Amino acid sequence: MKRIFYTVLALLVLLVGVAFAFQNRQVVELSYYFGLHWSGPLSIALLAAFTIGVVAGYLASMRTVVRMQRQLVQARKEIRQIEQEVINLRSLPIKDAI
């Protein structure tokens, strides 16, 4: 169900993007640092800006993701160690306390 929802959402975003590109065909001129200039459709300029933003956000979140993956590996090691300790304790013979 979740997969169908995301597929429909992706198709909807794609449709809106294509409609936006057709409605905004005018040429814009962009100036960069060091005297660089670019002329092209507005939709391509916005798509490039969106892509750069997505990549920057992904790279910014990687630090947190890597840290959490390390914590997960450490927690799994601790769980295995504790489970082994429990198995070892259960195998000990019980002496009567009376």
Protein backbone atom coordinates (compact mmCIF):
# COMPACT_ATOMS: atom_id res chain seq x y z
CA MET A 1 0.00 0.00 0.00
CA LYS A 2 2.82 2.36 0.91
CA ARG A 3 4.58 1.60 -2.37
CA ILE A 4 1.46 2.43 -4.39
CA PHE A 5 1.06 5.70 -2.49
CA TYR A 6 4.65 6.75 -3.23
CA THR A 7 4.31 5.75 -6.89
CA VAL A 8 1.14 7.81 -7.28
CA LEU A 9 2.77 10.72 -5.45
CA ALA A 10 5.85 10.55 -7.71
CA LEU A 11 3.67 10.50 -10.83
CA LEU A 12 1.69 13.47 -9.54
CA VAL A 13 4.86 15.47 -8.86
CA LEU A 14 6.18 14.54 -12.30
CA LEU A 15 2.94 15.68 -13.93
CA VAL A 16 2.99 18.99 -12.07
CA GLY A 17 6.65 19.46 -13.04
CA VAL A 18 5.98 18.82 -16.72
CA ALA A 19 3.01 21.20 -16.67
CA PHE A 20 5.21 23.83 -14.97
CA ALA A 21 7.90 23.38 -17.63
CA PHE A 22 5.38 23.90 -20.44
CA GLN A 23 3.91 26.99 -18.79
CA ASN A 24 7.32 28.59 -18.13
CA ARG A 25 9.26 28.27 -21.36
CA GLN A 26 10.71 31.78 -21.27
CA VAL A 27 14.48 32.09 -21.32
CA VAL A 28 16.23 33.48 -18.27
CA GLU A 29 19.81 34.57 -17.93
CA LEU A 30 21.77 33.62 -14.85
CA SER A 31 25.08 35.15 -13.82
CA TYR A 32 27.55 33.21 -11.71
CA TYR A 33 30.77 34.10 -10.00
CA PHE A 34 33.90 34.70 -12.08
CA GLY A 35 31.93 36.19 -14.97
CA LEU A 36 30.11 32.99 -15.96
CA HIS A 37 26.70 33.39 -17.59
CA TRP A 38 24.01 30.92 -18.60
CA SER A 39 20.87 31.41 -20.66
CA GLY A 40 18.18 28.78 -20.72
CA PRO A 41 14.61 27.87 -19.82
CA LEU A 42 13.33 28.80 -16.38
CA SER A 43 12.25 25.21 -15.70
CA ILE A 44 15.80 23.91 -16.25
CA ALA A 45 17.23 26.55 -13.92
CA LEU A 46 14.73 25.63 -11.19
CA LEU A 47 15.34 21.91 -11.72
CA ALA A 48 19.09 22.48 -11.33
CA ALA A 49 18.55 24.52 -8.15
CA PHE A 50 16.24 21.84 -6.74
CA THR A 51 18.75 19.08 -7.56
CA ILE A 52 21.60 20.99 -5.92
CA GLY A 53 19.41 21.49 -2.84
CA VAL A 54 18.53 17.80 -2.63
CA VAL A 55 22.18 16.77 -2.94
CA ALA A 56 23.24 19.33 -0.31
CA GLY A 57 20.53 18.10 2.08
CA TYR A 58 21.52 14.48 1.52
CA LEU A 59 25.18 15.21 2.19
CA ALA A 60 24.29 17.22 5.30
CA SER A 61 22.25 14.33 6.71
CA MET A 62 24.94 11.73 6.05
CA ARG A 63 26.84 12.63 9.23
CA THR A 64 23.82 11.82 11.36
CA VAL A 65 23.03 8.65 9.42
CA VAL A 66 26.59 7.32 9.74
CA ARG A 67 26.64 8.11 13.48
CA MET A 68 23.34 6.32 14.02
CA GLN A 69 24.52 3.30 12.03
CA ARG A 70 27.60 3.07 14.25
CA GLN A 71 25.39 3.23 17.34
CA LEU A 72 23.17 0.49 15.90
CA VAL A 73 26.16 -1.79 15.27
CA GLN A 74 27.41 -1.17 18.82
CA ALA A 75 23.96 -1.88 20.29
CA ARG A 76 23.69 -5.13 18.33
CA LYS A 77 27.09 -6.23 19.64
CA GLU A 78 25.97 -5.50 23.20
CA ILE A 79 22.75 -7.44 22.66
CA ARG A 80 24.68 -10.47 21.39
CA GLN A 81 27.01 -10.27 24.39
CA ILE A 82 24.12 -10.02 26.86
CA GLU A 83 22.28 -12.89 25.18
CA GLN A 84 25.42 -15.02 25.46
CA GLU A 85 25.70 -14.14 29.15
CA VAL A 86 22.08 -15.17 29.69
CA ILE A 87 22.70 -18.49 27.93
CA ASN A 88 25.78 -19.06 30.10
CA LEU A 89 23.84 -18.23 33.29
CA ARG A 90 20.99 -20.58 32.35
CA SER A 91 23.43 -23.43 31.82
CA LEU A 92 24.88 -23.12 35.34
CA PRO A 93 23.70 -25.79 37.74
CA ILE A 94 21.34 -24.59 40.46
CA LYS A 95 22.41 -25.44 44.01
CA ASP A 96 19.81 -25.84 46.69
CA ALA A 97 19.87 -22.87 49.01
CA ILE A 98 18.24 -24.82 51.83
